Amino acid sequence: MTHDQLLAYYTKPGPFTDLGVFADEIDSLPGDVRAIAEMVQGLLIHEALAPAYRVTLPAERIAEKQLHGAAAMLGCARRMDDRPLSVERTPDRRVVGVCRHFATLFVACLRRKGIPARARVGFANYFEPDKNVDHWVGEYWNAGEGRWVLVDAQVDKPQAAFFKPDFDLLDVPHTRFLVGGDAWALCRSGGADPMTFGVAGTENWGLIEVIGDLMLDLAALQKVDCCRGAGTGWRSSTAHARASSRSSTG
């Protein structure tokens, strides 16, 4: 496959990034990366971070995090609020998800705009000190700069105010988000302690988690943007409590 063929491949939807009946509406929206990330943030809310927006999720809404495809997410958003998708929802009327949902929907919209994009699975080191936390982000081809750019479409202004990342979330350095293969190589070479890699708020830490994200990242590169369980992503109960007490919807 040539480079041009590879880029063309990533402009076409996969099984989870097909927008279905919502494709035409996405066509009418701005096509810049920032606008798409902000639209995604206005439609989704991370299950573990709901209290940071002063939202208590009813038990029946937790099932929304089991949605996998972009069209399913948008369908749920439309059922709760029939206004255009470009209109930011109040946090209590956003679709419940985890980091994968933000990455998948972001990638789906970019592909519809003809921008090569793919989900990436790995570990972010900007959520908890000295920890590499299981996370999903999006990645798109910046034609002007000739490079792939990582984008964290989950971290909006309230989250950024809490986590205080020292970089542009629309251009996440590869040293701050390690894709699965890079995390594996670093751990295998002795450059990092495998026990610092895992799912926050759980006992799931170590090399087995790195292997898991390596496999998930390989699947995502094949446009299979789905995970082994809906609970992946940042979900530390301790940090969750701190965020809910210190953050707000702004």
Protein backbone atom coordinates (compact mmCIF):
# COMPACT_ATOMS: atom_id res chain seq x y z
CA MET A 1 0.00 0.00 0.00
CA THR A 2 1.42 3.39 -0.98
CA HIS A 3 1.33 6.39 1.32
CA ASP A 4 -1.49 7.95 -0.70
CA GLN A 5 -3.46 4.71 -0.55
CA LEU A 6 -2.95 4.57 3.21
CA LEU A 7 -4.30 8.10 3.63
CA ALA A 8 -7.26 7.29 1.39
CA TYR A 9 -7.95 4.20 3.51
CA TYR A 10 -8.28 6.35 6.61
CA THR A 11 -10.81 8.69 4.98
CA LYS A 12 -13.34 5.85 4.66
CA PRO A 13 -15.51 4.74 7.58
CA GLY A 14 -15.02 1.48 9.39
CA PRO A 15 -17.78 -0.58 11.03
CA PHE A 16 -17.93 1.76 14.03
CA THR A 17 -17.29 5.09 12.29
CA ASP A 18 -20.07 5.00 9.70
CA LEU A 19 -22.34 7.97 10.45
CA GLY A 20 -25.41 6.45 8.83
CA VAL A 21 -28.35 8.85 8.53
CA PHE A 22 -26.33 11.61 10.21
CA ALA A 23 -23.71 11.84 7.47
CA ASP A 24 -25.42 14.69 5.62
CA GLU A 25 -25.74 16.75 8.80
CA ILE A 26 -22.02 16.32 9.53
CA ASP A 27 -21.32 17.45 5.96
CA SER A 28 -22.90 20.81 6.74
CA LEU A 29 -20.73 21.46 9.80
CA PRO A 30 -17.30 23.17 9.88
CA GLY A 31 -14.48 20.85 8.90
CA ASP A 32 -11.66 22.12 11.11
CA VAL A 33 -10.28 19.88 13.82
CA ARG A 34 -11.03 22.20 16.73
CA ALA A 35 -14.68 22.62 15.73
CA ILE A 36 -15.18 18.88 15.42
CA ALA A 37 -13.53 18.20 18.80
CA GLU A 38 -15.75 20.83 20.44
CA MET A 39 -18.86 19.35 18.83
CA VAL A 40 -17.96 15.90 20.18
CA GLN A 41 -17.41 17.39 23.66
CA GLY A 42 -20.83 19.02 23.47
CA LEU A 43 -22.53 15.69 22.74
CA LEU A 44 -20.76 13.25 25.11
CA ILE A 45 -20.01 13.07 28.82
CA HIS A 46 -17.50 10.69 30.42
CA GLU A 47 -19.21 8.40 32.89
CA ALA A 48 -16.55 8.80 35.60
CA LEU A 49 -16.36 12.58 35.21
CA ALA A 50 -20.08 13.38 35.35
CA PRO A 51 -19.81 14.75 38.93
CA ALA A 52 -17.26 17.29 37.68
CA TYR A 53 -20.13 18.82 35.71
CA ARG A 54 -22.48 18.58 38.69
CA VAL A 55 -24.34 15.73 37.03
CA THR A 56 -25.65 12.61 38.77
CA LEU A 57 -26.35 9.96 36.18
CA PRO A 58 -29.49 7.86 36.70
CA ALA A 59 -28.82 4.12 36.69
CA GLU A 60 -30.77 3.60 33.48
CA ARG A 61 -28.47 5.92 31.55
CA ILE A 62 -25.25 4.05 32.38
CA ALA A 63 -26.12 1.56 29.63
CA GLU A 64 -25.35 4.28 27.07
CA LYS A 65 -21.65 3.52 27.50
CA GLN A 66 -22.32 0.20 25.77
CA LEU A 67 -22.98 2.04 22.49
CA HIS A 68 -20.22 1.31 20.00
CA GLY A 69 -20.86 2.98 16.66
CA ALA A 70 -20.80 6.69 15.89
CA ALA A 71 -24.28 6.51 14.36
CA ALA A 72 -25.62 4.90 17.55
CA MET A 73 -24.09 7.68 19.66
CA LEU A 74 -25.60 10.38 17.47
CA GLY A 75 -28.95 8.63 17.46
CA CYS A 76 -28.96 8.62 21.25
CA ALA A 77 -28.00 12.30 21.31
CA ARG A 78 -30.82 13.16 18.93
CA ARG A 79 -33.40 11.24 20.95
CA MET A 80 -32.51 13.25 24.04
CA ASP A 81 -32.36 16.58 22.22
CA ASP A 82 -33.67 17.03 18.69
CA ARG A 83 -31.73 20.22 17.99
CA PRO A 84 -28.90 20.22 15.40
CA LEU A 85 -25.84 18.22 16.44
CA SER A 86 -23.76 21.38 16.33
CA VAL A 87 -25.67 22.74 19.33
CA GLU A 88 -23.85 22.04 22.59
CA ARG A 89 -25.98 20.04 25.03
CA THR A 90 -26.07 20.73 28.74
CA PRO A 91 -23.94 18.11 30.52
CA ASP A 92 -26.99 16.25 31.85
CA ARG A 93 -28.27 15.79 28.27
CA ARG A 94 -25.07 14.39 26.80
CA VAL A 95 -24.57 10.75 25.83
CA VAL A 96 -22.76 8.77 28.51
CA GLY A 97 -19.50 7.19 27.38
CA VAL A 98 -15.82 6.70 28.08
CA CYS A 99 -12.71 7.85 26.24
CA ARG A 100 -13.30 5.43 23.37
CA HIS A 101 -16.58 7.13 22.49
CA PHE A 102 -14.93 10.54 22.18
CA ALA A 103 -12.14 9.17 19.99
CA THR A 104 -14.46 7.12 17.77
CA LEU A 105 -16.95 9.94 17.15
CA PHE A 106 -14.13 12.43 16.52
CA VAL A 107 -12.53 10.11 13.98
CA ALA A 108 -15.87 9.37 12.30
CA CYS A 109 -16.55 13.07 11.72
CA LEU A 110 -13.05 13.75 10.40
CA ARG A 111 -13.29 10.87 7.95
CA ARG A 112 -16.61 12.20 6.70
CA LYS A 113 -14.86 15.50 6.02
CA GLY A 114 -12.27 13.68 3.93
CA ILE A 115 -9.52 14.05 6.54
CA PRO A 116 -7.49 10.85 7.13
CA ALA A 117 -8.06 9.86 10.74
CA ARG A 118 -7.83 6.89 13.07
CA ALA A 119 -8.36 6.05 16.72
CA ARG A 120 -5.28 5.25 18.82
CA VAL A 121 -5.18 3.22 22.01
CA GLY A 122 -2.47 3.55 24.62
CA PHE A 123 -1.56 5.39 27.78
CA ALA A 124 -1.75 9.04 28.80
CA ASN A 125 0.63 10.38 31.44
CA TYR A 126 -1.23 13.65 32.02
CA PHE A 127 -4.09 12.43 34.22
CA GLU A 128 -2.28 11.15 37.31
CA PRO A 129 1.27 11.86 38.52
CA ASP A 130 3.78 9.14 37.61
CA LYS A 131 1.04 7.01 36.04
CA ASN A 132 0.42 5.96 32.46
CA VAL A 133 -3.34 5.67 32.26
CA ASP A 134 -5.23 3.56 29.73
CA HIS A 135 -6.83 5.96 27.26
CA TRP A 136 -8.09 6.48 23.70
CA VAL A 137 -7.40 9.50 21.50
CA GLY A 138 -7.85 10.42 17.85
CA GLU A 139 -5.14 10.95 15.27
CA TYR A 140 -5.38 12.78 11.95
CA TRP A 141 -3.08 13.47 9.03
CA ASN A 142 -2.01 17.12 8.91
CA ALA A 143 -1.31 17.53 5.20
CA GLY A 144 0.26 20.96 5.63
CA GLU A 145 2.84 19.66 8.08
CA GLY A 146 3.11 16.15 6.63
CA ARG A 147 2.59 14.32 9.91
CA TRP A 148 0.07 12.44 12.04
CA VAL A 149 -1.25 14.53 14.95
CA LEU A 150 -2.74 13.15 18.16
CA VAL A 151 -5.87 14.86 19.51
CA ASP A 152 -7.53 14.29 22.88
CA ALA A 153 -11.15 15.08 22.05
CA GLN A 154 -12.31 14.12 25.55
CA VAL A 155 -10.53 16.79 27.59
CA ASP A 156 -12.64 19.94 27.30
CA LYS A 157 -12.10 23.23 29.13
CA PRO A 158 -13.42 22.07 32.55
CA GLN A 159 -11.25 18.94 32.43
CA ALA A 160 -8.23 20.90 31.25
CA ALA A 161 -8.69 23.29 34.16
CA PHE A 162 -8.47 20.30 36.51
CA PHE A 163 -5.79 18.17 34.87
CA LYS A 164 -3.74 21.17 33.73
CA PRO A 165 -2.02 19.66 30.68
CA ASP A 166 1.06 21.67 29.67
CA PHE A 167 0.57 21.11 25.94
CA ASP A 168 -2.01 21.66 23.20
CA LEU A 169 -4.70 18.99 23.40
CA LEU A 170 -5.12 19.32 19.64
CA ASP A 171 -1.48 18.30 19.22
CA VAL A 172 -0.65 15.85 22.01
CA PRO A 173 3.09 15.02 22.10
CA HIS A 174 3.90 11.35 21.60
CA THR A 175 5.82 11.51 24.87
CA ARG A 176 2.57 12.38 26.71
CA PHE A 177 0.44 9.73 25.02
CA LEU A 178 2.16 6.44 24.30
CA VAL A 179 0.38 4.33 21.70
CA GLY A 180 0.25 0.64 22.52
CA GLY A 181 3.33 -0.33 20.54
CA ASP A 182 5.46 2.45 22.01
CA ALA A 183 4.37 1.53 25.54
CA TRP A 184 5.25 -2.12 24.88
CA ALA A 185 8.67 -1.26 23.47
CA LEU A 186 9.43 1.07 26.38
CA CYS A 187 8.50 -1.52 28.98
CA ARG A 188 10.34 -4.33 27.23
CA SER A 189 13.52 -2.26 26.94
CA GLY A 190 13.48 -1.44 30.64
CA GLY A 191 12.80 2.23 29.93
CA ALA A 192 9.62 2.22 32.03
CA ASP A 193 8.13 0.25 34.90
CA PRO A 194 5.22 -1.83 33.53
CA MET A 195 3.41 -1.42 36.84
CA THR A 196 2.93 2.27 36.10
CA PHE A 197 0.70 1.31 33.12
CA GLY A 198 -2.93 0.44 33.69
CA VAL A 199 -6.54 1.36 34.21
CA ALA A 200 -6.96 4.00 36.89
CA GLY A 201 -9.27 3.18 39.76
CA THR A 202 -8.75 -0.58 39.30
CA GLU A 203 -6.17 -3.24 40.10
CA ASN A 204 -5.50 -3.72 36.38
CA TRP A 205 -1.87 -2.64 36.10
CA GLY A 206 1.22 -4.14 34.56
CA LEU A 207 2.52 -5.64 31.35
CA ILE A 208 -0.72 -7.50 30.64
CA GLU A 209 -2.49 -4.14 30.29
CA VAL A 210 0.21 -2.94 27.92
CA ILE A 211 -0.25 -6.06 25.81
CA GLY A 212 -4.00 -5.49 25.81
CA ASP A 213 -3.68 -1.93 24.57
CA LEU A 214 -1.13 -3.02 21.98
CA MET A 215 -3.74 -5.40 20.54
CA LEU A 216 -6.51 -2.80 20.72
CA ASP A 217 -4.33 -0.24 18.96
CA LEU A 218 -3.56 -2.71 16.19
CA ALA A 219 -7.29 -3.31 15.79
CA ALA A 220 -7.99 0.43 15.72
CA LEU A 221 -5.40 0.84 12.96
CA GLN A 222 -7.51 -1.65 10.99
CA LYS A 223 -10.53 0.59 11.63
CA VAL A 224 -11.99 -1.74 14.26
CA ASP A 225 -12.58 0.99 16.85
CA CYS A 226 -14.01 -1.20 19.58
CA CYS A 227 -12.71 -2.40 22.91
CA ARG A 228 -12.82 -5.43 25.16
CA GLY A 229 -15.16 -3.64 27.57
CA ALA A 230 -16.96 -0.34 27.83
CA GLY A 231 -15.15 0.62 30.99
CA THR A 232 -11.76 1.38 29.50
CA GLY A 233 -10.36 4.84 29.92
CA TRP A 234 -9.68 7.26 32.70
CA ARG A 235 -11.81 6.36 35.71
CA SER A 236 -9.86 6.86 38.92
CA SER A 237 -12.30 7.07 41.81
CA THR A 238 -9.86 9.20 43.81
CA ALA A 239 -9.18 11.67 41.04
CA HIS A 240 -12.88 11.48 40.15
CA ALA A 241 -13.76 12.70 43.63
CA ARG A 242 -11.18 15.48 43.48
CA ALA A 243 -12.45 16.58 40.06
CA SER A 244 -16.07 16.62 41.18
CA SER A 245 -15.22 18.85 44.10
CA ARG A 246 -12.95 21.26 42.22
CA SER A 247 -14.36 21.39 38.70
CA SER A 248 -17.56 22.74 37.27
CA THR A 249 -19.13 23.26 33.88
CA GLY A 250 -17.61 26.72 33.82
